[in-house]
Amino acid sequence: QVQLVESGGGLVQAGGSLRLSCAASERTFSNYHMGWFRQAPGKEREFVAAINWSGISSWYADSVKGRFTISRDNAKNTVYLQMNSLKPEDTAVYYCAADASRRAIVVRNADEYDYWGQGTQVTVSS
């Protein structure tokens, strides 16, 4: 059972930046594709970004493309989400998730991810 712990959330003004981190409890982390998702009040959880197991390839939701960057350090069992040019509509609880299936492709569907962190709140003020 992989445990994921997010950190780095907080309150920031529009246009500001935050860096989220997600630390995994096991070395098997390096075998997993990883994703970031977010959920705003009254809305469904949505895909934000994902990165393959090696860190070579990444994918983004259109709403964050060009502003957010996902990366990982397998030696530290950690995945990151650098968020720049933040907007009030980015306000949400952000979750990291691990896809332990070892499938060849990275997926955007939250239902396909096996392990989830507890979430970290990001609030962007206007």
Foldseek 3Di string as FASTA:
>chain_A
DKAKAKDWADEEAAQAKIKMKIAIDDLCLLLWKKFKWWDDPPGDIFGAKIAGSNQPDMDGDPVQPPFWDWGDDSVRRMIMIIGGRDDQVVWTWMKMFIQPPSDPDDDGDPVNTDYIYPTDTHGYHD
